[in-house]
Amino acid sequence: MLVLTHGWDRSGFFAWSTGEQLVTALVVDAASDDEADLGQSAEQVLGVLGWTAGEALAHIAAERHLTVAETREWVNVQAIVVAVEMDRSPSRYDRQRALITPAEQQRLAGAVVSIAGMGVGASIAQQLAMVGVGTLRISDGDDIALTNLNRHPVAVNSDVGQPKTTVMAQYLGAFNPEVTVDVRDATDGLNVEVFCQASVVVDEVDCIATKWMMRWTARRLGVPVVMATDLGDERVLLDVERFDQDAKFPFHGLVDDAQTEGEVLTKLFRRHCSKDLWAALRIGSSFPQLGSTMAVASGVTARTVRDIIIGRAVPSGRYVYDLGLPVPESEGVR
């Protein structure tokens, strides 16, 4: 409801912005000075006109033969309307309004992000639901294992043995009902085709063949791919492939699809691993992981996905986040 108080000028319009919120009021000619009636009339007419604050100021300028700058000054001096407030319920996104504009929030709400792999991908999905991405398409063929619980953001003991996608879909639906959760299989060509029809594809799977399949499909569809790899407790490697901007070879051309899985892993990650971590990788069947490093990986990935959706500059490339070399305060902010 619009609440208008004091000092009515019945000749035109008044508008200004409060923070990120543009609030527009139409001051209507009415026989009564009853504020509730005037407020209701203004709200009804605005709903039909759909005027923005800029359009309202332009109207005043035209009526009074003033520039918009002069009109703003005139509005302030005359104090035609002392207060116009939007009485609305708090939004779950209120605390991010100073960081994400209303227009950007709308882009997030209209976006579809496909996330393959519900390990690190589970935390990425959680953070994207927090920020208000409208549709999260998730995929993972595995069940929650006891060994996942040292890093999984939402799984508990009773979830062991349950499909990872089921656990995440239930959590996301309860956490943010505004988000649509779409569970998909992304393991064969037909499914990958549907899976990659998204605003951004996030790759957090272990299978090299699936990684290739998603990239070739995303490249053909012109969809960006983002992948984070947390390497022990040392660093996070972020890969951004902007297939929406160029059609470069997958994995930045560092490997080709004729190479074995071992060759691909060596080429992509060996130089970023310590000797001890690489030895552990060769002995074990998967990357050693800690929840703290995974949290960093998911955080930088969620931010990158968000920035791509809202149109901020995110070029293709490999980005390294080194966790073992903190920057002294004197060198950190300039």
C-alpha atoms as a PDB file:
ATOM      1  CA  MET A   1       0.000   0.000   0.000  1.00  0.00           C
ATOM      2  CA  LEU A   2       1.230   3.526  -0.799  1.00  0.00           C
ATOM      3  CA  VAL A   3       1.055   5.980   2.085  1.00  0.00           C
ATOM      4  CA  LEU A   4       1.054   9.678   1.088  1.00  0.00           C
ATOM      5  CA  THR A   5       1.173  12.400   3.726  1.00  0.00           C
ATOM      6  CA  HIS A   6       0.983  16.209   3.898  1.00  0.00           C
ATOM      7  CA  GLY A   7       1.192  19.043   1.384  1.00  0.00           C
ATOM      8  CA  TRP A   8      -0.675  17.850  -1.695  1.00  0.00           C
ATOM      9  CA  ASP A   9      -0.022  19.546  -5.028  1.00  0.00           C
ATOM     10  CA  ARG A  10      -2.845  18.435  -7.329  1.00  0.00           C
ATOM     11  CA  SER A  11      -1.196  19.581 -10.540  1.00  0.00           C
ATOM     12  CA  GLY A  12       1.111  16.675 -11.282  1.00  0.00           C
ATOM     13  CA  PHE A  13       3.396  13.889 -10.247  1.00  0.00           C
ATOM     14  CA  PHE A  14       6.084  13.342  -7.670  1.00  0.00           C
ATOM     15  CA  ALA A  15       8.752  10.665  -7.526  1.00  0.00           C
ATOM     16  CA  TRP A  16      12.075   9.824  -5.941  1.00  0.00           C
ATOM     17  CA  SER A  17      14.159   6.781  -5.107  1.00  0.00           C
ATOM     18  CA  THR A  18      14.978   5.324  -1.708  1.00  0.00           C
ATOM     19  CA  GLY A  19      18.120   3.207  -1.847  1.00  0.00           C
ATOM     20  CA  GLU A  20      17.708   0.643  -4.609  1.00  0.00           C
ATOM     21  CA  GLN A  21      13.909   0.944  -4.602  1.00  0.00           C
ATOM     22  CA  LEU A  22      12.256   3.350  -7.048  1.00  0.00           C
ATOM     23  CA  VAL A  23       9.020   4.599  -5.526  1.00  0.00           C
ATOM     24  CA  THR A  24       6.606   6.551  -7.715  1.00  0.00           C
ATOM     25  CA  ALA A  25       3.476   8.373  -6.564  1.00  0.00           C
ATOM     26  CA  LEU A  26       0.718   9.977  -8.590  1.00  0.00           C
ATOM     27  CA  VAL A  27      -0.922  12.893  -6.785  1.00  0.00           C
ATOM     28  CA  VAL A  28      -4.491  12.860  -8.064  1.00  0.00           C
ATOM     29  CA  ASP A  29      -7.101  15.579  -8.013  1.00  0.00           C
ATOM     30  CA  ALA A  30      -9.624  14.537  -5.384  1.00  0.00           C
ATOM     31  CA  ALA A  31     -12.463  16.275  -3.594  1.00  0.00           C
ATOM     32  CA  SER A  32     -11.417  14.819  -0.262  1.00  0.00           C
ATOM     33  CA  ASP A  33      -8.156  15.369   1.608  1.00  0.00           C
ATOM     34  CA  ASP A  34      -8.495  11.990   3.254  1.00  0.00           C
ATOM     35  CA  GLU A  35      -5.010  10.493   3.064  1.00  0.00           C
ATOM     36  CA  ALA A  36      -6.170   6.892   2.856  1.00  0.00           C
ATOM     37  CA  ASP A  37      -8.387   7.711  -0.132  1.00  0.00           C
ATOM     38  CA  LEU A  38      -5.613   9.611  -1.874  1.00  0.00           C
ATOM     39  CA  GLY A  39      -3.144   6.831  -1.179  1.00  0.00           C
ATOM     40  CA  GLN A  40      -5.498   4.225  -2.533  1.00  0.00           C
ATOM     41  CA  SER A  41      -6.220   6.293  -5.641  1.00  0.00           C
ATOM     42  CA  ALA A  42      -2.521   6.812  -6.273  1.00  0.00           C
ATOM     43  CA  GLU A  43      -1.827   3.118  -5.944  1.00  0.00           C
ATOM     44  CA  GLN A  44      -4.651   2.173  -8.292  1.00  0.00           C
ATOM     45  CA  VAL A  45      -3.635   4.673 -10.981  1.00  0.00           C
ATOM     46  CA  LEU A  46       0.049   3.742 -10.739  1.00  0.00           C
ATOM     47  CA  GLY A  47      -0.868   0.114 -11.234  1.00  0.00           C
ATOM     48  CA  VAL A  48      -2.435   1.059 -14.568  1.00  0.00           C
ATOM     49  CA  LEU A  49       0.216   3.545 -15.715  1.00  0.00           C
ATOM     50  CA  GLY A  50       3.260   1.609 -14.568  1.00  0.00           C
ATOM     51  CA  TRP A  51       5.286   4.822 -14.564  1.00  0.00           C
ATOM     52  CA  THR A  52       8.896   4.895 -13.389  1.00  0.00           C
ATOM     53  CA  ALA A  53      10.384   7.661 -11.271  1.00  0.00           C
ATOM     54  CA  GLY A  54      12.217   9.029 -14.299  1.00  0.00           C
ATOM     55  CA  GLU A  55       9.006   9.206 -16.338  1.00  0.00           C
ATOM     56  CA  ALA A  56       7.198  10.977 -13.507  1.00  0.00           C
ATOM     57  CA  LEU A  57       9.943  13.605 -13.250  1.00  0.00           C
ATOM     58  CA  ALA A  58       9.886  14.062 -17.025  1.00  0.00           C
ATOM     59  CA  HIS A  59       6.123  14.700 -16.793  1.00  0.00           C
ATOM     60  CA  ILE A  60       6.601  17.408 -14.185  1.00  0.00           C
ATOM     61  CA  ALA A  61       9.378  18.965 -16.277  1.00  0.00           C
ATOM     62  CA  ALA A  62       7.154  19.090 -19.354  1.00  0.00           C
ATOM     63  CA  GLU A  63       4.184  20.523 -17.457  1.00  0.00           C
ATOM     64  CA  ARG A  64       6.214  23.281 -15.813  1.00  0.00           C
ATOM     65  CA  HIS A  65       8.711  23.829 -18.657  1.00  0.00           C
ATOM     66  CA  LEU A  66      11.654  22.909 -16.444  1.00  0.00           C
ATOM     67  CA  THR A  67      14.662  20.686 -16.943  1.00  0.00           C
ATOM     68  CA  VAL A  68      14.633  17.418 -15.027  1.00  0.00           C
ATOM     69  CA  ALA A  69      17.428  18.772 -12.812  1.00  0.00           C
ATOM     70  CA  GLU A  70      15.367  21.889 -12.049  1.00  0.00           C
ATOM     71  CA  THR A  71      12.357  19.687 -11.406  1.00  0.00           C
ATOM     72  CA  ARG A  72      14.261  17.600  -8.857  1.00  0.00           C
ATOM     73  CA  GLU A  73      15.300  20.796  -7.067  1.00  0.00           C
ATOM     74  CA  TRP A  74      11.746  22.154  -7.212  1.00  0.00           C
ATOM     75  CA  VAL A  75      10.387  18.930  -5.754  1.00  0.00           C
ATOM     76  CA  ASN A  76      12.862  19.058  -2.885  1.00  0.00           C
ATOM     77  CA  VAL A  77      12.262  22.743  -2.116  1.00  0.00           C
ATOM     78  CA  GLN A  78       8.476  22.608  -2.284  1.00  0.00           C
ATOM     79  CA  ALA A  79       8.260  19.339  -0.340  1.00  0.00           C
ATOM     80  CA  ILE A  80       5.038  18.524  -2.149  1.00  0.00           C
ATOM     81  CA  VAL A  81       4.918  15.099  -0.648  1.00  0.00           C
ATOM     82  CA  VAL A  82       6.741  14.729   2.616  1.00  0.00           C
ATOM     83  CA  ALA A  83       6.725  10.928   2.660  1.00  0.00           C
ATOM     84  CA  VAL A  84       5.925   8.207   0.204  1.00  0.00           C
ATOM     85  CA  GLU A  85       6.657   4.761   1.553  1.00  0.00           C
ATOM     86  CA  MET A  86       6.061   1.296   0.255  1.00  0.00           C
ATOM     87  CA  ASP A  87       4.552  -0.834   2.993  1.00  0.00           C
ATOM     88  CA  ARG A  88       5.699  -4.346   2.083  1.00  0.00           C
ATOM     89  CA  SER A  89       6.710  -7.512   3.846  1.00  0.00           C
ATOM     90  CA  PRO A  90      10.461  -8.053   4.297  1.00  0.00           C
ATOM     91  CA  SER A  91      12.118  -9.929   1.434  1.00  0.00           C
ATOM     92  CA  ARG A  92      14.621 -12.741   1.919  1.00  0.00           C
ATOM     93  CA  TYR A  93      16.897 -10.746  -0.401  1.00  0.00           C
ATOM     94  CA  ASP A  94      16.809  -7.429   1.512  1.00  0.00           C
ATOM     95  CA  ARG A  95      20.353  -7.787   2.861  1.00  0.00           C
ATOM     96  CA  GLN A  96      21.828  -8.067  -0.628  1.00  0.00           C
ATOM     97  CA  ARG A  97      20.065  -5.031  -2.142  1.00  0.00           C
ATOM     98  CA  ALA A  98      23.160  -2.852  -1.787  1.00  0.00           C
ATOM     99  CA  LEU A  99      25.187  -5.447  -3.710  1.00  0.00           C
ATOM    100  CA  ILE A 100      22.673  -6.673  -6.294  1.00  0.00           C
ATOM    101  CA  THR A 101      20.354  -4.199  -8.016  1.00  0.00           C
ATOM    102  CA  PRO A 102      16.646  -4.942  -8.534  1.00  0.00           C
ATOM    103  CA  ALA A 103      17.269  -5.448 -12.261  1.00  0.00           C
ATOM    104  CA  GLU A 104      20.078  -7.890 -11.509  1.00  0.00           C
ATOM    105  CA  GLN A 105      17.861  -9.713  -9.016  1.00  0.00           C
ATOM    106  CA  GLN A 106      15.289 -10.150 -11.768  1.00  0.00           C
ATOM    107  CA  ARG A 107      17.931 -11.646 -14.062  1.00  0.00           C
ATOM    108  CA  LEU A 108      18.868 -14.120 -11.342  1.00  0.00           C
ATOM    109  CA  ALA A 109      15.217 -15.043 -10.842  1.00  0.00           C
ATOM    110  CA  GLY A 110      14.872 -15.771 -14.555  1.00  0.00           C
ATOM    111  CA  ALA A 111      18.063 -17.817 -14.815  1.00  0.00           C
ATOM    112  CA  VAL A 112      18.502 -21.584 -15.112  1.00  0.00           C
ATOM    113  CA  VAL A 113      21.721 -23.034 -13.700  1.00  0.00           C
ATOM    114  CA  SER A 114      22.542 -26.696 -14.360  1.00  0.00           C
ATOM    115  CA  ILE A 115      24.856 -28.252 -11.780  1.00  0.00           C
ATOM    116  CA  ALA A 116      26.342 -31.690 -12.429  1.00  0.00           C
ATOM    117  CA  GLY A 117      27.738 -33.344  -9.311  1.00  0.00           C
ATOM    118  CA  MET A 118      26.261 -32.930  -5.845  1.00  0.00           C
ATOM    119  CA  GLY A 119      29.515 -32.924  -3.889  1.00  0.00           C
ATOM    120  CA  VAL A 120      30.968 -29.444  -4.284  1.00  0.00           C
ATOM    121  CA  GLY A 121      27.929 -28.848  -6.484  1.00  0.00           C
ATOM    122  CA  ALA A 122      25.619 -29.230  -3.479  1.00  0.00           C
ATOM    123  CA  SER A 123      27.211 -26.248  -1.775  1.00  0.00           C
ATOM    124  CA  ILE A 124      27.105 -24.267  -5.035  1.00  0.00           C
ATOM    125  CA  ALA A 125      23.389 -25.050  -5.384  1.00  0.00           C
ATOM    126  CA  GLN A 126      22.807 -23.974  -1.788  1.00  0.00           C
ATOM    127  CA  GLN A 127      24.497 -20.613  -2.345  1.00  0.00           C
ATOM    128  CA  LEU A 128      22.714 -19.964  -5.632  1.00  0.00           C
ATOM    129  CA  ALA A 129      19.401 -20.668  -3.887  1.00  0.00           C
ATOM    130  CA  MET A 130      20.413 -18.145  -1.223  1.00  0.00           C
ATOM    131  CA  VAL A 131      21.028 -15.431  -3.806  1.00  0.00           C
ATOM    132  CA  GLY A 132      17.768 -16.109  -5.668  1.00  0.00           C
ATOM    133  CA  VAL A 133      18.548 -18.025  -8.866  1.00  0.00           C
ATOM    134  CA  GLY A 134      15.140 -19.037 -10.216  1.00  0.00           C
ATOM    135  CA  THR A 135      15.777 -22.590 -11.442  1.00  0.00           C
ATOM    136  CA  LEU A 136      18.430 -25.055 -10.303  1.00  0.00           C
ATOM    137  CA  ARG A 137      18.809 -28.164 -12.433  1.00  0.00           C
ATOM    138  CA  ILE A 138      20.803 -30.772 -10.518  1.00  0.00           C
ATOM    139  CA  SER A 139      22.309 -34.115 -11.477  1.00  0.00           C
ATOM    140  CA  ASP A 140      24.221 -36.887  -9.698  1.00  0.00           C
ATOM    141  CA  GLY A 141      23.799 -40.648  -9.949  1.00  0.00           C
ATOM    142  CA  ASP A 142      25.370 -41.460  -6.579  1.00  0.00           C
ATOM    143  CA  ASP A 143      23.953 -41.918  -3.092  1.00  0.00           C
ATOM    144  CA  ILE A 144      25.105 -40.103   0.033  1.00  0.00           C
ATOM    145  CA  ALA A 145      27.985 -42.039   1.589  1.00  0.00           C
ATOM    146  CA  LEU A 146      29.331 -41.739   5.109  1.00  0.00           C
ATOM    147  CA  THR A 147      32.579 -40.411   3.626  1.00  0.00           C
ATOM    148  CA  ASN A 148      30.681 -37.455   2.111  1.00  0.00           C
ATOM    149  CA  LEU A 149      29.721 -36.058   5.500  1.00  0.00           C
ATOM    150  CA  ASN A 150      33.059 -34.349   6.184  1.00  0.00           C
ATOM    151  CA  ARG A 151      32.195 -31.762   3.540  1.00  0.00           C
ATOM    152  CA  HIS A 152      28.566 -32.039   2.395  1.00  0.00           C
ATOM    153  CA  PRO A 153      26.712 -28.827   3.364  1.00  0.00           C
ATOM    154  CA  VAL A 154      23.300 -30.320   4.225  1.00  0.00           C
ATOM    155  CA  ALA A 155      23.498 -34.131   4.475  1.00  0.00           C
ATOM    156  CA  VAL A 156      23.198 -35.798   7.897  1.00  0.00           C
ATOM    157  CA  ASN A 157      23.701 -39.366   9.120  1.00  0.00           C
ATOM    158  CA  SER A 158      20.136 -40.373   8.317  1.00  0.00           C
ATOM    159  CA  ASP A 159      20.703 -39.378   4.665  1.00  0.00           C
ATOM    160  CA  VAL A 160      23.393 -42.017   4.117  1.00  0.00           C
ATOM    161  CA  GLY A 161      22.202 -44.336   1.350  1.00  0.00           C
ATOM    162  CA  GLN A 162      19.759 -41.782  -0.075  1.00  0.00           C
ATOM    163  CA  PRO A 163      20.258 -40.371  -3.601  1.00  0.00           C
ATOM    164  CA  LYS A 164      22.253 -37.156  -3.479  1.00  0.00           C
ATOM    165  CA  THR A 165      19.792 -35.407  -5.767  1.00  0.00           C
ATOM    166  CA  THR A 166      16.844 -36.395  -3.547  1.00  0.00           C
ATOM    167  CA  VAL A 167      18.540 -35.008  -0.453  1.00  0.00           C
ATOM    168  CA  MET A 168      19.405 -31.745  -2.204  1.00  0.00           C
ATOM    169  CA  ALA A 169      16.012 -31.330  -3.884  1.00  0.00           C
ATOM    170  CA  GLN A 170      14.224 -31.738  -0.541  1.00  0.00           C
ATOM    171  CA  TYR A 171      16.575 -29.300   1.150  1.00  0.00           C
ATOM    172  CA  LEU A 172      16.392 -26.648  -1.576  1.00  0.00           C
ATOM    173  CA  GLY A 173      12.599 -26.855  -1.755  1.00  0.00           C
ATOM    174  CA  ALA A 174      12.309 -26.300   1.986  1.00  0.00           C
ATOM    175  CA  PHE A 175      15.036 -23.658   2.122  1.00  0.00           C
ATOM    176  CA  ASN A 176      13.745 -21.408  -0.667  1.00  0.00           C
ATOM    177  CA  PRO A 177      10.295 -22.202  -2.088  1.00  0.00           C
ATOM    178  CA  GLU A 178      10.839 -19.503  -4.732  1.00  0.00           C
ATOM    179  CA  VAL A 179      13.448 -21.701  -6.430  1.00  0.00           C
ATOM    180  CA  THR A 180      12.402 -24.383  -8.918  1.00  0.00           C
ATOM    181  CA  VAL A 181      14.463 -27.569  -8.537  1.00  0.00           C
ATOM    182  CA  ASP A 182      14.735 -29.818 -11.593  1.00  0.00           C
ATOM    183  CA  VAL A 183      16.412 -33.208 -11.077  1.00  0.00           C
ATOM    184  CA  ARG A 184      18.001 -34.608 -14.236  1.00  0.00           C
ATOM    185  CA  ASP A 185      20.292 -37.373 -15.428  1.00  0.00           C
ATOM    186  CA  ALA A 186      23.294 -36.037 -17.346  1.00  0.00           C
ATOM    187  CA  THR A 187      25.092 -39.257 -18.214  1.00  0.00           C
ATOM    188  CA  ASP A 188      24.230 -39.788 -21.883  1.00  0.00           C
ATOM    189  CA  GLY A 189      23.982 -37.676 -25.020  1.00  0.00           C
ATOM    190  CA  LEU A 190      20.222 -37.089 -24.985  1.00  0.00           C
ATOM    191  CA  ASN A 191      20.141 -36.138 -21.316  1.00  0.00           C
ATOM    192  CA  VAL A 192      23.195 -33.887 -21.642  1.00  0.00           C
ATOM    193  CA  GLU A 193      21.479 -32.008 -24.473  1.00  0.00           C
ATOM    194  CA  VAL A 194      18.580 -31.057 -22.179  1.00  0.00           C
ATOM    195  CA  PHE A 195      20.829 -30.527 -19.176  1.00  0.00           C
ATOM    196  CA  CYS A 196      23.011 -27.989 -20.995  1.00  0.00           C
ATOM    197  CA  GLN A 197      20.082 -25.829 -22.113  1.00  0.00           C
ATOM    198  CA  ALA A 198      20.754 -23.362 -19.324  1.00  0.00           C
ATOM    199  CA  SER A 199      22.089 -19.922 -18.480  1.00  0.00           C
ATOM    200  CA  VAL A 200      25.244 -21.486 -17.035  1.00  0.00           C
ATOM    201  CA  VAL A 201      26.458 -25.083 -16.665  1.00  0.00           C
ATOM    202  CA  VAL A 202      28.486 -25.993 -13.570  1.00  0.00           C
ATOM    203  CA  ASP A 203      30.713 -29.074 -13.858  1.00  0.00           C
ATOM    204  CA  GLU A 204      31.497 -30.817 -10.561  1.00  0.00           C
ATOM    205  CA  VAL A 205      31.557 -34.441 -11.746  1.00  0.00           C
ATOM    206  CA  ASP A 206      34.467 -36.867 -11.471  1.00  0.00           C
ATOM    207  CA  CYS A 207      33.926 -38.686 -14.772  1.00  0.00           C
ATOM    208  CA  ILE A 208      36.167 -37.297 -17.525  1.00  0.00           C
ATOM    209  CA  ALA A 209      33.891 -38.635 -20.278  1.00  0.00           C
ATOM    210  CA  THR A 210      30.920 -36.723 -18.835  1.00  0.00           C
ATOM    211  CA  LYS A 211      33.034 -33.583 -18.558  1.00  0.00           C
ATOM    212  CA  TRP A 212      33.881 -33.832 -22.263  1.00  0.00           C
ATOM    213  CA  MET A 213      30.275 -34.520 -23.239  1.00  0.00           C
ATOM    214  CA  MET A 214      28.981 -31.497 -21.330  1.00  0.00           C
ATOM    215  CA  ARG A 215      31.609 -29.199 -22.804  1.00  0.00           C
ATOM    216  CA  TRP A 216      31.055 -30.244 -26.416  1.00  0.00           C
ATOM    217  CA  THR A 217      27.301 -29.789 -25.926  1.00  0.00           C
ATOM    218  CA  ALA A 218      27.621 -26.448 -24.124  1.00  0.00           C
ATOM    219  CA  ARG A 219      30.045 -25.239 -26.795  1.00  0.00           C
ATOM    220  CA  ARG A 220      27.549 -26.052 -29.537  1.00  0.00           C
ATOM    221  CA  LEU A 221      24.686 -24.409 -27.610  1.00  0.00           C
ATOM    222  CA  GLY A 222      26.726 -21.340 -26.664  1.00  0.00           C
ATOM    223  CA  VAL A 223      26.393 -21.859 -22.904  1.00  0.00           C
ATOM    224  CA  PRO A 224      29.195 -20.940 -20.454  1.00  0.00           C
ATOM    225  CA  VAL A 225      30.726 -23.679 -18.290  1.00  0.00           C
ATOM    226  CA  VAL A 226      32.242 -23.103 -14.842  1.00  0.00           C
ATOM    227  CA  MET A 227      34.218 -25.705 -12.884  1.00  0.00           C
ATOM    228  CA  ALA A 228      35.920 -25.477  -9.485  1.00  0.00           C
ATOM    229  CA  THR A 229      38.498 -27.981  -8.274  1.00  0.00           C
ATOM    230  CA  ASP A 230      39.542 -27.899  -4.620  1.00  0.00           C
ATOM    231  CA  LEU A 231      43.064 -29.278  -4.307  1.00  0.00           C
ATOM    232  CA  GLY A 232      43.539 -30.551  -0.760  1.00  0.00           C
ATOM    233  CA  ASP A 233      43.861 -27.667   1.686  1.00  0.00           C
ATOM    234  CA  GLU A 234      46.233 -25.738  -0.565  1.00  0.00           C
ATOM    235  CA  ARG A 235      44.310 -24.034  -3.343  1.00  0.00           C
ATOM    236  CA  VAL A 236      41.197 -23.858  -5.464  1.00  0.00           C
ATOM    237  CA  LEU A 237      41.362 -23.889  -9.247  1.00  0.00           C
ATOM    238  CA  LEU A 238      38.487 -22.189 -11.086  1.00  0.00           C
ATOM    239  CA  ASP A 239      37.924 -22.828 -14.796  1.00  0.00           C
ATOM    240  CA  VAL A 240      35.662 -20.457 -16.738  1.00  0.00           C
ATOM    241  CA  GLU A 241      34.812 -21.336 -20.339  1.00  0.00           C
ATOM    242  CA  ARG A 242      32.659 -18.654 -21.975  1.00  0.00           C
ATOM    243  CA  PHE A 243      31.238 -20.652 -24.859  1.00  0.00           C
ATOM    244  CA  ASP A 244      28.575 -17.934 -25.044  1.00  0.00           C
ATOM    245  CA  GLN A 245      31.287 -15.493 -26.141  1.00  0.00           C
ATOM    246  CA  ASP A 246      33.666 -17.687 -28.126  1.00  0.00           C
ATOM    247  CA  ALA A 247      33.918 -21.281 -29.336  1.00  0.00           C
ATOM    248  CA  LYS A 248      37.373 -22.168 -28.095  1.00  0.00           C
ATOM    249  CA  PHE A 249      38.378 -25.781 -27.595  1.00  0.00           C
ATOM    250  CA  PRO A 250      37.128 -27.283 -24.293  1.00  0.00           C
ATOM    251  CA  PHE A 251      39.445 -27.154 -21.276  1.00  0.00           C
ATOM    252  CA  HIS A 252      41.098 -24.076 -22.830  1.00  0.00           C
ATOM    253  CA  GLY A 253      42.757 -26.342 -25.397  1.00  0.00           C
ATOM    254  CA  LEU A 254      45.066 -27.836 -22.752  1.00  0.00           C
ATOM    255  CA  VAL A 255      43.956 -31.424 -23.448  1.00  0.00           C
ATOM    256  CA  ASP A 256      42.128 -33.335 -26.153  1.00  0.00           C
ATOM    257  CA  ASP A 257      39.490 -36.036 -26.015  1.00  0.00           C
ATOM    258  CA  ALA A 258      41.868 -38.697 -27.350  1.00  0.00           C
ATOM    259  CA  GLN A 259      43.901 -38.633 -24.133  1.00  0.00           C
ATOM    260  CA  THR A 260      43.366 -41.092 -21.300  1.00  0.00           C
ATOM    261  CA  GLU A 261      41.776 -40.023 -18.030  1.00  0.00           C
ATOM    262  CA  GLY A 262      45.155 -40.117 -16.314  1.00  0.00           C
ATOM    263  CA  GLU A 263      46.716 -37.938 -19.006  1.00  0.00           C
ATOM    264  CA  VAL A 264      43.892 -35.413 -18.759  1.00  0.00           C
ATOM    265  CA  LEU A 265      44.133 -35.195 -14.958  1.00  0.00           C
ATOM    266  CA  THR A 266      47.909 -34.828 -15.114  1.00  0.00           C
ATOM    267  CA  LYS A 267      47.756 -32.055 -17.695  1.00  0.00           C
ATOM    268  CA  LEU A 268      44.983 -30.134 -15.951  1.00  0.00           C
ATOM    269  CA  PHE A 269      45.983 -30.419 -12.308  1.00  0.00           C
ATOM    270  CA  ARG A 270      49.525 -31.739 -11.762  1.00  0.00           C
ATOM    271  CA  ARG A 271      51.271 -28.356 -11.764  1.00  0.00           C
ATOM    272  CA  HIS A 272      48.836 -27.029  -9.151  1.00  0.00           C
ATOM    273  CA  CYS A 273      49.358 -29.907  -6.672  1.00  0.00           C
ATOM    274  CA  SER A 274      52.110 -30.410  -4.121  1.00  0.00           C
ATOM    275  CA  LYS A 275      54.173 -33.579  -4.317  1.00  0.00           C
ATOM    276  CA  ASP A 276      52.341 -35.053  -1.315  1.00  0.00           C
ATOM    277  CA  LEU A 277      48.893 -34.261  -2.704  1.00  0.00           C
ATOM    278  CA  TRP A 278      49.736 -35.718  -6.106  1.00  0.00           C
ATOM    279  CA  ALA A 279      51.070 -38.871  -4.453  1.00  0.00           C
ATOM    280  CA  ALA A 280      47.801 -39.189  -2.520  1.00  0.00           C
ATOM    281  CA  LEU A 281      45.852 -38.810  -5.759  1.00  0.00           C
ATOM    282  CA  ARG A 282      47.833 -41.572  -7.412  1.00  0.00           C
ATOM    283  CA  ILE A 283      47.291 -43.900  -4.449  1.00  0.00           C
ATOM    284  CA  GLY A 284      43.610 -43.110  -3.908  1.00  0.00           C
ATOM    285  CA  SER A 285      40.702 -43.088  -6.323  1.00  0.00           C
ATOM    286  CA  SER A 286      39.549 -39.511  -5.766  1.00  0.00           C
ATOM    287  CA  PHE A 287      40.719 -36.100  -4.633  1.00  0.00           C
ATOM    288  CA  PRO A 288      41.275 -35.720  -0.870  1.00  0.00           C
ATOM    289  CA  GLN A 289      38.863 -33.030   0.278  1.00  0.00           C
ATOM    290  CA  LEU A 290      38.167 -30.838   3.292  1.00  0.00           C
ATOM    291  CA  GLY A 291      34.952 -29.008   4.010  1.00  0.00           C
ATOM    292  CA  SER A 292      36.734 -25.666   4.444  1.00  0.00           C
ATOM    293  CA  THR A 293      38.436 -25.826   1.038  1.00  0.00           C
ATOM    294  CA  MET A 294      35.217 -26.998  -0.578  1.00  0.00           C
ATOM    295  CA  ALA A 295      33.436 -23.994   0.937  1.00  0.00           C
ATOM    296  CA  VAL A 296      35.936 -21.669  -0.749  1.00  0.00           C
ATOM    297  CA  ALA A 297      35.517 -23.532  -4.055  1.00  0.00           C
ATOM    298  CA  SER A 298      31.738 -23.314  -3.930  1.00  0.00           C
ATOM    299  CA  GLY A 299      31.832 -19.672  -2.881  1.00  0.00           C
ATOM    300  CA  VAL A 300      33.991 -18.493  -5.781  1.00  0.00           C
ATOM    301  CA  THR A 301      31.967 -20.643  -8.193  1.00  0.00           C
ATOM    302  CA  ALA A 302      28.621 -19.272  -7.002  1.00  0.00           C
ATOM    303  CA  ARG A 303      29.920 -15.725  -7.316  1.00  0.00           C
ATOM    304  CA  THR A 304      31.248 -16.403 -10.825  1.00  0.00           C
ATOM    305  CA  VAL A 305      27.938 -17.926 -11.930  1.00  0.00           C
ATOM    306  CA  ARG A 306      26.037 -14.997 -10.442  1.00  0.00           C
ATOM    307  CA  ASP A 307      28.270 -12.450 -12.189  1.00  0.00           C
ATOM    308  CA  ILE A 308      27.877 -14.188 -15.554  1.00  0.00           C
ATOM    309  CA  ILE A 309      24.082 -14.174 -15.210  1.00  0.00           C
ATOM    310  CA  ILE A 310      23.805 -10.496 -14.302  1.00  0.00           C
ATOM    311  CA  GLY A 311      26.218  -9.439 -17.032  1.00  0.00           C
ATOM    312  CA  ARG A 312      29.368  -8.501 -15.168  1.00  0.00           C
ATOM    313  CA  ALA A 313      32.741  -9.035 -16.836  1.00  0.00           C
ATOM    314  CA  VAL A 314      33.926 -12.636 -16.373  1.00  0.00           C
ATOM    315  CA  PRO A 315      36.394 -13.641 -19.110  1.00  0.00           C
ATOM    316  CA  SER A 316      37.343 -17.209 -19.965  1.00  0.00           C
ATOM    317  CA  GLY A 317      40.409 -18.475 -18.146  1.00  0.00           C
ATOM    318  CA  ARG A 318      41.907 -20.470 -15.289  1.00  0.00           C
ATOM    319  CA  TYR A 319      41.977 -18.755 -11.918  1.00  0.00           C
ATOM    320  CA  VAL A 320      43.962 -19.959  -8.902  1.00  0.00           C
ATOM    321  CA  TYR A 321      42.900 -19.167  -5.335  1.00  0.00           C
ATOM    322  CA  ASP A 322      45.886 -19.963  -3.116  1.00  0.00           C
ATOM    323  CA  LEU A 323      44.823 -20.718   0.452  1.00  0.00           C
ATOM    324  CA  GLY A 324      48.320 -21.266   1.839  1.00  0.00           C
ATOM    325  CA  LEU A 325      49.674 -17.774   1.247  1.00  0.00           C
ATOM    326  CA  PRO A 326      47.593 -15.176   3.101  1.00  0.00           C
ATOM    327  CA  VAL A 327      48.204 -11.628   1.928  1.00  0.00           C
ATOM    328  CA  PRO A 328      49.428  -9.208   4.626  1.00  0.00           C
ATOM    329  CA  GLU A 329      46.892  -6.514   5.437  1.00  0.00           C
ATOM    330  CA  SER A 330      49.264  -3.810   4.188  1.00  0.00           C
ATOM    331  CA  GLU A 331      49.260  -5.429   0.736  1.00  0.00           C
ATOM    332  CA  GLY A 332      45.649  -6.507   0.554  1.00  0.00           C
ATOM    333  CA  VAL A 333      43.628  -3.322   0.022  1.00  0.00           C
ATOM    334  CA  ARG A 334      44.925  -0.397  -2.003  1.00  0.00           C
END
